[in-house]
C-alpha atoms as a PDB file:
ATOM      1  CA  MET A   1       6.717 -20.553 -22.690  1.00  0.00           C
ATOM      2  CA  THR A   2       5.422 -17.031 -21.284  1.00  0.00           C
ATOM      3  CA  THR A   3       4.594 -16.291 -18.088  1.00  0.00           C
ATOM      4  CA  ARG A   4       1.703 -13.053 -16.897  1.00  0.00           C
ATOM      5  CA  THR A   5       2.881 -11.271 -13.171  1.00  0.00           C
ATOM      6  CA  LEU A   6      -0.192 -10.930 -11.744  1.00  0.00           C
ATOM      7  CA  ASP A   7      -0.877  -7.865  -9.071  1.00  0.00           C
ATOM      8  CA  THR A   8      -1.380  -9.404  -5.302  1.00  0.00           C
ATOM      9  CA  GLY A   9      -1.010  -5.965  -3.907  1.00  0.00           C
ATOM     10  CA  THR A  10       1.221  -7.497  -1.209  1.00  0.00           C
ATOM     11  CA  ASP A  11       5.137  -8.307  -1.485  1.00  0.00           C
ATOM     12  CA  MET A  12       3.992 -10.812   0.771  1.00  0.00           C
ATOM     13  CA  LEU A  13       2.395 -13.131  -1.892  1.00  0.00           C
ATOM     14  CA  LEU A  14       3.436 -13.722  -4.868  1.00  0.00           C
ATOM     15  CA  CYS A  15       1.452 -14.871  -8.334  1.00  0.00           C
ATOM     16  CA  SER A  16       2.002 -15.444 -11.931  1.00  0.00           C
ATOM     17  CA  VAL A  17       0.703 -17.497 -14.791  1.00  0.00           C
ATOM     18  CA  THR A  18       2.801 -19.892 -17.219  1.00  0.00           C
ATOM     19  CA  ASP A  19       1.022 -21.858 -19.675  1.00  0.00           C
ATOM     20  CA  HIS A  20      -2.684 -22.120 -18.064  1.00  0.00           C
ATOM     21  CA  VAL A  21      -1.015 -23.212 -14.768  1.00  0.00           C
ATOM     22  CA  ALA A  22      -0.835 -20.195 -12.124  1.00  0.00           C
ATOM     23  CA  THR A  23       1.433 -20.495  -9.415  1.00  0.00           C
ATOM     24  CA  ILE A  24       0.435 -18.559  -5.948  1.00  0.00           C
ATOM     25  CA  THR A  25       3.497 -18.163  -3.539  1.00  0.00           C
ATOM     26  CA  LEU A  26       3.218 -17.523  -0.192  1.00  0.00           C
ATOM     27  CA  ASN A  27       6.293 -14.794   0.661  1.00  0.00           C
ATOM     28  CA  ASN A  28       7.186 -14.115   4.065  1.00  0.00           C
ATOM     29  CA  PRO A  29      10.365 -16.173   4.712  1.00  0.00           C
ATOM     30  CA  LYS A  30      11.263 -14.451   8.324  1.00  0.00           C
ATOM     31  CA  LYS A  31       8.278 -16.201   9.569  1.00  0.00           C
ATOM     32  CA  ARG A  32       8.120 -19.560   7.385  1.00  0.00           C
ATOM     33  CA  ASN A  33       5.306 -17.695   5.677  1.00  0.00           C
ATOM     34  CA  ALA A  34       3.078 -17.934   8.397  1.00  0.00           C
ATOM     35  CA  LEU A  35      -0.122 -16.492   7.492  1.00  0.00           C
ATOM     36  CA  GLY A  36      -0.868 -13.090   8.478  1.00  0.00           C
ATOM     37  CA  ASP A  37      -3.015  -9.936   8.115  1.00  0.00           C
ATOM     38  CA  GLU A  38      -1.154  -9.351   4.997  1.00  0.00           C
ATOM     39  CA  MET A  39      -0.998 -12.225   3.439  1.00  0.00           C
ATOM     40  CA  THR A  40      -4.277 -13.755   3.687  1.00  0.00           C
ATOM     41  CA  PRO A  41      -6.434 -10.878   2.380  1.00  0.00           C
ATOM     42  CA  ALA A  42      -4.359 -11.597  -0.839  1.00  0.00           C
ATOM     43  CA  LEU A  43      -4.649 -14.670  -0.700  1.00  0.00           C
ATOM     44  CA  ARG A  44      -8.320 -14.678  -0.492  1.00  0.00           C
ATOM     45  CA  LYS A  45      -8.350 -12.258  -3.236  1.00  0.00           C
ATOM     46  CA  MET A  46      -6.128 -14.260  -5.468  1.00  0.00           C
ATOM     47  CA  LEU A  47      -7.830 -17.887  -5.376  1.00  0.00           C
ATOM     48  CA  THR A  48     -11.020 -15.658  -6.594  1.00  0.00           C
ATOM     49  CA  GLU A  49      -9.097 -13.868  -9.431  1.00  0.00           C
ATOM     50  CA  THR A  50      -7.044 -17.018 -10.682  1.00  0.00           C
ATOM     51  CA  GLU A  51     -10.215 -19.215 -10.581  1.00  0.00           C
ATOM     52  CA  ALA A  52     -12.265 -16.704 -12.841  1.00  0.00           C
ATOM     53  CA  ASP A  53      -9.377 -16.283 -14.869  1.00  0.00           C
ATOM     54  CA  PRO A  54     -10.033 -18.874 -17.938  1.00  0.00           C
ATOM     55  CA  ASP A  55      -6.385 -19.340 -19.518  1.00  0.00           C
ATOM     56  CA  VAL A  56      -6.014 -20.301 -15.890  1.00  0.00           C
ATOM     57  CA  ARG A  57      -6.443 -24.322 -15.733  1.00  0.00           C
ATOM     58  CA  VAL A  58      -4.239 -25.532 -12.908  1.00  0.00           C
ATOM     59  CA  LEU A  59      -3.262 -24.116  -9.969  1.00  0.00           C
ATOM     60  CA  VAL A  60      -0.160 -24.356  -7.548  1.00  0.00           C
ATOM     61  CA  LEU A  61       0.577 -22.923  -3.864  1.00  0.00           C
ATOM     62  CA  THR A  62       3.699 -23.402  -2.522  1.00  0.00           C
ATOM     63  CA  GLY A  63       5.999 -20.899   0.249  1.00  0.00           C
ATOM     64  CA  SER A  64       9.384 -19.041  -0.624  1.00  0.00           C
ATOM     65  CA  GLU A  65      12.530 -19.781   0.582  1.00  0.00           C
ATOM     66  CA  GLY A  66      12.157 -23.697   2.595  1.00  0.00           C
ATOM     67  CA  ALA A  67       8.905 -23.554   4.054  1.00  0.00           C
ATOM     68  CA  PHE A  68       5.445 -24.275   2.506  1.00  0.00           C
ATOM     69  CA  CYS A  69       3.043 -21.554   5.719  1.00  0.00           C
ATOM     70  CA  ALA A  70       4.015 -22.164   9.611  1.00  0.00           C
ATOM     71  CA  GLY A  71       0.182 -21.981   9.926  1.00  0.00           C
ATOM     72  CA  GLY A  72      -0.747 -18.434  11.871  1.00  0.00           C
ATOM     73  CA  ASP A  73       1.307 -15.494  12.998  1.00  0.00           C
ATOM     74  CA  ILE A  74       1.773 -16.725  16.606  1.00  0.00           C
ATOM     75  CA  THR A  75       2.781 -13.088  16.927  1.00  0.00           C
ATOM     76  CA  SER A  76      -0.377 -11.719  15.486  1.00  0.00           C
ATOM     77  CA  MET A  77      -2.564 -14.224  17.899  1.00  0.00           C
ATOM     78  CA  GLY A  78      -1.057 -12.994  21.014  1.00  0.00           C
ATOM     79  CA  SER A  79      -1.723  -8.833  20.448  1.00  0.00           C
ATOM     80  CA  ALA A  80      -5.246  -9.777  19.258  1.00  0.00           C
ATOM     81  CA  LEU A  81      -5.225 -10.509  23.244  1.00  0.00           C
ATOM     82  CA  ALA A  82      -2.321  -8.038  24.565  1.00  0.00           C
ATOM     83  CA  GLY A  83      -5.383  -5.110  24.165  1.00  0.00           C
ATOM     84  CA  GLY A  84      -6.793  -5.348  27.450  1.00  0.00           C
ATOM     85  CA  GLY A  85     -10.371  -6.272  28.300  1.00  0.00           C
ATOM     86  CA  SER A  86     -12.961  -8.973  27.676  1.00  0.00           C
ATOM     87  CA  PRO A  87     -12.438 -10.551  24.327  1.00  0.00           C
ATOM     88  CA  ASP A  88     -15.309 -10.739  22.077  1.00  0.00           C
ATOM     89  CA  ALA A  89     -15.260 -14.617  22.037  1.00  0.00           C
ATOM     90  CA  ASP A  90     -18.604 -14.569  19.631  1.00  0.00           C
ATOM     91  CA  ALA A  91     -16.920 -12.210  17.526  1.00  0.00           C
ATOM     92  CA  MET A  92     -13.952 -13.470  17.020  1.00  0.00           C
ATOM     93  CA  ILE A  93     -15.712 -17.265  15.624  1.00  0.00           C
ATOM     94  CA  ARG A  94     -17.259 -15.206  13.203  1.00  0.00           C
ATOM     95  CA  ARG A  95     -13.815 -13.734  11.957  1.00  0.00           C
ATOM     96  CA  LEU A  96     -12.320 -17.376  11.758  1.00  0.00           C
ATOM     97  CA  ARG A  97     -15.277 -18.965  10.654  1.00  0.00           C
ATOM     98  CA  GLU A  98     -14.663 -16.612   7.420  1.00  0.00           C
ATOM     99  CA  ALA A  99     -11.359 -16.734   6.889  1.00  0.00           C
ATOM    100  CA  GLN A 100     -11.954 -20.514   7.330  1.00  0.00           C
ATOM    101  CA  ASN A 101     -14.464 -20.269   4.563  1.00  0.00           C
ATOM    102  CA  THR A 102     -12.665 -18.109   2.216  1.00  0.00           C
ATOM    103  CA  CYS A 103      -9.104 -19.824   2.627  1.00  0.00           C
ATOM    104  CA  SER A 104      -9.073 -23.849   3.046  1.00  0.00           C
ATOM    105  CA  LEU A 105     -12.470 -24.339   1.887  1.00  0.00           C
ATOM    106  CA  ARG A 106     -12.305 -21.733  -1.083  1.00  0.00           C
ATOM    107  CA  LEU A 107      -9.837 -24.310  -1.940  1.00  0.00           C
ATOM    108  CA  TYR A 108     -11.226 -27.830  -1.362  1.00  0.00           C
ATOM    109  CA  GLU A 109     -13.743 -26.447  -3.826  1.00  0.00           C
ATOM    110  CA  TYR A 110     -12.057 -24.352  -6.122  1.00  0.00           C
ATOM    111  CA  THR A 111     -12.885 -25.125  -9.136  1.00  0.00           C
ATOM    112  CA  LYS A 112     -10.194 -26.268 -10.972  1.00  0.00           C
ATOM    113  CA  PRO A 113      -6.689 -28.993  -9.457  1.00  0.00           C
ATOM    114  CA  THR A 114      -4.607 -27.281  -6.942  1.00  0.00           C
ATOM    115  CA  ILE A 115      -1.422 -28.500  -6.334  1.00  0.00           C
ATOM    116  CA  ALA A 116       0.547 -27.580  -3.149  1.00  0.00           C
ATOM    117  CA  ALA A 117       3.781 -28.046  -3.029  1.00  0.00           C
ATOM    118  CA  LEU A 118       5.735 -28.273  -0.016  1.00  0.00           C
ATOM    119  CA  PRO A 119       9.347 -26.766  -0.239  1.00  0.00           C
ATOM    120  CA  GLY A 120       9.508 -27.425   4.247  1.00  0.00           C
ATOM    121  CA  ALA A 121       7.256 -27.168   6.546  1.00  0.00           C
ATOM    122  CA  ALA A 122       3.302 -26.951   6.154  1.00  0.00           C
ATOM    123  CA  ALA A 123       2.631 -26.850  10.165  1.00  0.00           C
ATOM    124  CA  GLY A 124      -1.071 -25.609  11.770  1.00  0.00           C
ATOM    125  CA  ALA A 125      -3.093 -23.600   9.305  1.00  0.00           C
ATOM    126  CA  GLY A 126      -0.437 -24.950   6.554  1.00  0.00           C
ATOM    127  CA  MET A 127      -1.109 -28.458   7.398  1.00  0.00           C
ATOM    128  CA  SER A 128      -4.417 -27.349   6.556  1.00  0.00           C
ATOM    129  CA  ILE A 129      -4.469 -25.927   3.563  1.00  0.00           C
ATOM    130  CA  ALA A 130      -1.962 -27.941   2.080  1.00  0.00           C
ATOM    131  CA  LEU A 131      -4.668 -30.893   2.685  1.00  0.00           C
ATOM    132  CA  ALA A 132      -6.943 -28.430   1.145  1.00  0.00           C
ATOM    133  CA  CYS A 133      -5.455 -29.012  -2.245  1.00  0.00           C
ATOM    134  CA  ASP A 134      -6.045 -31.928  -4.406  1.00  0.00           C
ATOM    135  CA  LEU A 135      -2.849 -33.217  -4.773  1.00  0.00           C
ATOM    136  CA  ARG A 136       0.937 -33.022  -3.056  1.00  0.00           C
ATOM    137  CA  ILE A 137       4.346 -33.078  -3.969  1.00  0.00           C
ATOM    138  CA  CYS A 138       6.553 -33.091  -1.244  1.00  0.00           C
ATOM    139  CA  ALA A 139      10.308 -31.648  -1.466  1.00  0.00           C
ATOM    140  CA  ALA A 140      12.960 -33.966   0.777  1.00  0.00           C
ATOM    141  CA  SER A 141      12.912 -31.112   3.313  1.00  0.00           C
ATOM    142  CA  GLY A 142       9.266 -31.018   3.828  1.00  0.00           C
ATOM    143  CA  PHE A 143       7.218 -32.355   6.359  1.00  0.00           C
ATOM    144  CA  MET A 144       3.316 -31.833   7.705  1.00  0.00           C
ATOM    145  CA  LEU A 145       2.972 -31.035  11.654  1.00  0.00           C
ATOM    146  CA  PRO A 146      -0.396 -29.959  13.445  1.00  0.00           C
ATOM    147  CA  ALA A 147       1.579 -28.027  15.959  1.00  0.00           C
ATOM    148  CA  PHE A 148      -1.284 -26.930  18.155  1.00  0.00           C
ATOM    149  CA  GLY A 149      -0.924 -28.712  21.126  1.00  0.00           C
ATOM    150  CA  ALA A 150       2.733 -27.409  21.591  1.00  0.00           C
ATOM    151  CA  ILE A 151       0.406 -24.082  21.962  1.00  0.00           C
ATOM    152  CA  ALA A 152      -2.640 -25.435  23.891  1.00  0.00           C
ATOM    153  CA  LEU A 153      -4.569 -25.074  20.524  1.00  0.00           C
ATOM    154  CA  SER A 154      -6.793 -27.237  18.960  1.00  0.00           C
ATOM    155  CA  GLY A 155      -6.588 -26.796  15.366  1.00  0.00           C
ATOM    156  CA  ASP A 156      -8.237 -24.955  12.571  1.00  0.00           C
ATOM    157  CA  PHE A 157      -8.788 -24.686   9.057  1.00  0.00           C
ATOM    158  CA  GLY A 158      -9.764 -28.117   8.944  1.00  0.00           C
ATOM    159  CA  GLY A 159      -7.197 -30.184   9.056  1.00  0.00           C
ATOM    160  CA  SER A 160      -8.691 -32.145  11.490  1.00  0.00           C
ATOM    161  CA  TRP A 161     -11.546 -33.314   8.477  1.00  0.00           C
ATOM    162  CA  LEU A 162      -9.482 -33.405   6.053  1.00  0.00           C
ATOM    163  CA  LEU A 163      -6.870 -35.352   7.372  1.00  0.00           C
ATOM    164  CA  SER A 164      -9.371 -37.923   9.078  1.00  0.00           C
ATOM    165  CA  HIS A 165     -10.736 -38.667   6.056  1.00  0.00           C
ATOM    166  CA  TYR A 166      -7.283 -39.221   3.950  1.00  0.00           C
ATOM    167  CA  ILE A 167      -5.661 -41.237   6.613  1.00  0.00           C
ATOM    168  CA  GLY A 168      -8.158 -42.318   9.362  1.00  0.00           C
ATOM    169  CA  PRO A 169      -9.697 -40.537  12.257  1.00  0.00           C
ATOM    170  CA  ALA A 170      -7.306 -43.508  14.184  1.00  0.00           C
ATOM    171  CA  ARG A 171      -3.733 -42.544  12.537  1.00  0.00           C
ATOM    172  CA  ALA A 172      -5.023 -38.846  12.596  1.00  0.00           C
ATOM    173  CA  LYS A 173      -5.811 -37.870  15.981  1.00  0.00           C
ATOM    174  CA  GLU A 174      -2.628 -39.418  16.648  1.00  0.00           C
ATOM    175  CA  PHE A 175      -0.781 -36.603  14.816  1.00  0.00           C
ATOM    176  CA  TYR A 176      -2.634 -34.071  16.502  1.00  0.00           C
ATOM    177  CA  PHE A 177      -2.673 -35.647  19.751  1.00  0.00           C
ATOM    178  CA  THR A 178       1.475 -36.417  19.422  1.00  0.00           C
ATOM    179  CA  ASN A 179       2.323 -33.398  17.259  1.00  0.00           C
ATOM    180  CA  ARG A 180       4.993 -35.667  15.429  1.00  0.00           C
ATOM    181  CA  ARG A 181       5.695 -34.916  12.175  1.00  0.00           C
ATOM    182  CA  ILE A 182       5.048 -36.726   9.262  1.00  0.00           C
ATOM    183  CA  LEU A 183       7.530 -37.080   7.141  1.00  0.00           C
ATOM    184  CA  PRO A 184       7.816 -37.844   2.586  1.00  0.00           C
ATOM    185  CA  GLU A 185       8.384 -41.131   2.494  1.00  0.00           C
ATOM    186  CA  GLU A 186       5.700 -41.914   5.734  1.00  0.00           C
ATOM    187  CA  GLY A 187       3.453 -39.002   4.468  1.00  0.00           C
ATOM    188  CA  PHE A 188       3.346 -41.169   1.083  1.00  0.00           C
ATOM    189  CA  GLU A 189       2.877 -44.426   2.169  1.00  0.00           C
ATOM    190  CA  LEU A 190      -0.210 -42.834   3.984  1.00  0.00           C
ATOM    191  CA  GLY A 191      -1.239 -41.325   0.615  1.00  0.00           C
ATOM    192  CA  LEU A 192      -0.880 -37.510   1.758  1.00  0.00           C
ATOM    193  CA  PHE A 193       1.845 -37.318  -0.626  1.00  0.00           C
ATOM    194  CA  ASN A 194       1.523 -38.031  -4.439  1.00  0.00           C
ATOM    195  CA  ARG A 195       4.984 -37.546  -5.503  1.00  0.00           C
ATOM    196  CA  CYS A 196       8.347 -36.769  -3.003  1.00  0.00           C
ATOM    197  CA  VAL A 197      11.288 -35.047  -4.925  1.00  0.00           C
ATOM    198  CA  ALA A 198      14.601 -33.604  -4.249  1.00  0.00           C
ATOM    199  CA  ASP A 199      14.756 -30.471  -2.757  1.00  0.00           C
ATOM    200  CA  LYS A 200      16.416 -29.591  -6.289  1.00  0.00           C
ATOM    201  CA  ASP A 201      13.303 -30.735  -8.317  1.00  0.00           C
ATOM    202  CA  LEU A 202      10.393 -29.551  -6.720  1.00  0.00           C
ATOM    203  CA  GLN A 203       9.500 -26.431  -8.859  1.00  0.00           C
ATOM    204  CA  LYS A 204      10.046 -28.662 -12.119  1.00  0.00           C
ATOM    205  CA  GLU A 205       8.488 -31.803 -10.608  1.00  0.00           C
ATOM    206  CA  THR A 206       5.340 -29.514  -9.455  1.00  0.00           C
ATOM    207  CA  HIS A 207       5.506 -27.934 -13.040  1.00  0.00           C
ATOM    208  CA  ALA A 208       5.953 -31.111 -15.180  1.00  0.00           C
ATOM    209  CA  MET A 209       2.654 -32.297 -13.221  1.00  0.00           C
ATOM    210  CA  ALA A 210       0.751 -29.413 -13.555  1.00  0.00           C
ATOM    211  CA  GLN A 211       1.470 -29.381 -17.328  1.00  0.00           C
ATOM    212  CA  GLU A 212       0.542 -33.115 -17.703  1.00  0.00           C
ATOM    213  CA  ILE A 213      -3.224 -31.962 -16.312  1.00  0.00           C
ATOM    214  CA  ALA A 214      -3.176 -28.833 -17.877  1.00  0.00           C
ATOM    215  CA  GLN A 215      -3.401 -30.270 -21.125  1.00  0.00           C
ATOM    216  CA  PHE A 216      -7.275 -31.401 -20.466  1.00  0.00           C
ATOM    217  CA  ALA A 217     -10.821 -29.909 -21.015  1.00  0.00           C
ATOM    218  CA  PRO A 218     -11.380 -27.505 -18.004  1.00  0.00           C
ATOM    219  CA  MET A 219     -14.501 -28.940 -18.119  1.00  0.00           C
ATOM    220  CA  ALA A 220     -13.799 -32.387 -17.443  1.00  0.00           C
ATOM    221  CA  LEU A 221     -11.924 -31.522 -15.060  1.00  0.00           C
ATOM    222  CA  ARG A 222     -13.811 -29.831 -13.065  1.00  0.00           C
ATOM    223  CA  TYR A 223     -16.541 -32.311 -13.380  1.00  0.00           C
ATOM    224  CA  MET A 224     -13.767 -35.080 -12.100  1.00  0.00           C
ATOM    225  CA  LYS A 225     -13.174 -32.980  -8.849  1.00  0.00           C
ATOM    226  CA  GLU A 226     -17.130 -32.136  -7.782  1.00  0.00           C
ATOM    227  CA  ASN A 227     -17.389 -36.226  -8.661  1.00  0.00           C
ATOM    228  CA  HIS A 228     -14.593 -36.982  -6.841  1.00  0.00           C
ATOM    229  CA  ASN A 229     -15.119 -34.533  -3.592  1.00  0.00           C
ATOM    230  CA  ARG A 230     -18.817 -35.471  -3.989  1.00  0.00           C
ATOM    231  CA  ALA A 231     -18.105 -39.542  -3.145  1.00  0.00           C
ATOM    232  CA  ARG A 232     -17.154 -38.821   0.262  1.00  0.00           C
ATOM    233  CA  SER A 233     -20.319 -37.348   1.639  1.00  0.00           C
ATOM    234  CA  VAL A 234     -22.834 -39.223  -0.977  1.00  0.00           C
ATOM    235  CA  ASP A 235     -24.144 -42.952  -1.528  1.00  0.00           C
ATOM    236  CA  LEU A 236     -23.014 -44.410  -4.664  1.00  0.00           C
ATOM    237  CA  ARG A 237     -26.801 -44.236  -5.884  1.00  0.00           C
ATOM    238  CA  THR A 238     -26.462 -40.540  -5.603  1.00  0.00           C
ATOM    239  CA  ALA A 239     -22.855 -40.882  -7.367  1.00  0.00           C
ATOM    240  CA  LEU A 240     -23.998 -42.251 -10.179  1.00  0.00           C
ATOM    241  CA  ASP A 241     -26.881 -39.966 -10.799  1.00  0.00           C
ATOM    242  CA  MET A 242     -24.133 -36.878 -10.570  1.00  0.00           C
ATOM    243  CA  GLU A 243     -22.215 -38.801 -12.924  1.00  0.00           C
ATOM    244  CA  ALA A 244     -24.395 -39.420 -15.632  1.00  0.00           C
ATOM    245  CA  ASP A 245     -25.433 -35.726 -14.984  1.00  0.00           C
ATOM    246  CA  ARG A 246     -21.681 -34.761 -15.627  1.00  0.00           C
ATOM    247  CA  MET A 247     -21.065 -36.360 -18.093  1.00  0.00           C
ATOM    248  CA  ILE A 248     -23.961 -35.549 -20.810  1.00  0.00           C
ATOM    249  CA  ARG A 249     -22.489 -32.189 -19.842  1.00  0.00           C
ATOM    250  CA  THR A 250     -18.731 -32.792 -20.984  1.00  0.00           C
ATOM    251  CA  MET A 251     -20.437 -35.436 -24.126  1.00  0.00           C
ATOM    252  CA  LEU A 252     -21.786 -31.835 -25.686  1.00  0.00           C
ATOM    253  CA  SER A 253     -19.328 -29.641 -24.992  1.00  0.00           C
ATOM    254  CA  ALA A 254     -17.309 -28.414 -28.163  1.00  0.00           C
ATOM    255  CA  ASP A 255     -14.275 -29.848 -25.859  1.00  0.00           C
ATOM    256  CA  HIS A 256     -15.308 -33.383 -26.418  1.00  0.00           C
ATOM    257  CA  SER A 257     -15.882 -33.040 -30.390  1.00  0.00           C
ATOM    258  CA  GLU A 258     -12.561 -32.232 -30.423  1.00  0.00           C
ATOM    259  CA  GLY A 259     -11.231 -34.561 -28.074  1.00  0.00           C
ATOM    260  CA  ALA A 260     -12.907 -36.872 -30.123  1.00  0.00           C
ATOM    261  CA  ARG A 261     -11.300 -35.724 -33.118  1.00  0.00           C
ATOM    262  CA  ALA A 262      -7.923 -35.081 -32.187  1.00  0.00           C
ATOM    263  CA  PHE A 263      -7.824 -38.526 -31.203  1.00  0.00           C
ATOM    264  CA  ILE A 264      -9.247 -40.080 -34.602  1.00  0.00           C
ATOM    265  CA  GLU A 265      -6.715 -37.770 -36.667  1.00  0.00           C
ATOM    266  CA  LYS A 266      -3.947 -39.042 -34.237  1.00  0.00           C
ATOM    267  CA  ARG A 267      -3.178 -35.346 -32.807  1.00  0.00           C
ATOM    268  CA  GLN A 268      -3.045 -33.309 -29.903  1.00  0.00           C
ATOM    269  CA  PRO A 269      -5.873 -31.929 -29.228  1.00  0.00           C
ATOM    270  CA  ASP A 270      -5.981 -27.904 -29.015  1.00  0.00           C
ATOM    271  CA  PHE A 271      -8.960 -27.657 -26.156  1.00  0.00           C
ATOM    272  CA  LYS A 272     -11.298 -24.005 -25.440  1.00  0.00           C
ATOM    273  CA  GLY A 273     -12.555 -24.054 -22.158  1.00  0.00           C
ATOM    274  CA  HIS A 274     -16.448 -25.030 -23.381  1.00  0.00           C
END
């Protein structure tokens, strides 16, 4: 097992690649890994770099020292309004839209499978980011929390859309309106958490799942993700048309030929990503 460390440009974000799995760690424990002016641009940068890296087949997103992400840095939110004068709402809206598109939307559309590993709280925008990943593993100390109502905000980073699609609008509204925590057992029952594990096992179980996925051909995984994401917004006829297109493209790939030979020869395939 070899590990390659990537330069994120800041100590507030760590990134490494081990056996085709990139792990991005939010690392601002004093603020429970809240997003801020230093961490967020670094996260955007690493999403771009790891997506383009042919050695990366799966992305794990997690947080350091017992927290996933507490959402936005409330201190910096307050300072943005403390400069005096009238805030430029249009400019602020443009900046937030850009931040959302390059983070939550980028994660949702990331061309490789993504796993959020929650060692603790995923609150506010942190919950939204976790929901933007394909899969979620929650430690016993982990939970999700909308958090917005407690500070008189309506919510951002796609949490309302994502949560509604996963568990239905009525349940999603309930969590947002009441600001109630989604604990591991309930989150698992609702289908938000794929697995719930002991705190001490989170890293091991997450890596095991990532390795299980990373053994498969990258093109097939990318098209599987496309098919499932598209299924939310198109009718069956459209889904069938696109499945046919992606199926033939994978069928004509070198990795499919290798997979078929390996199956016949009763050995593990050696997929190259093309």
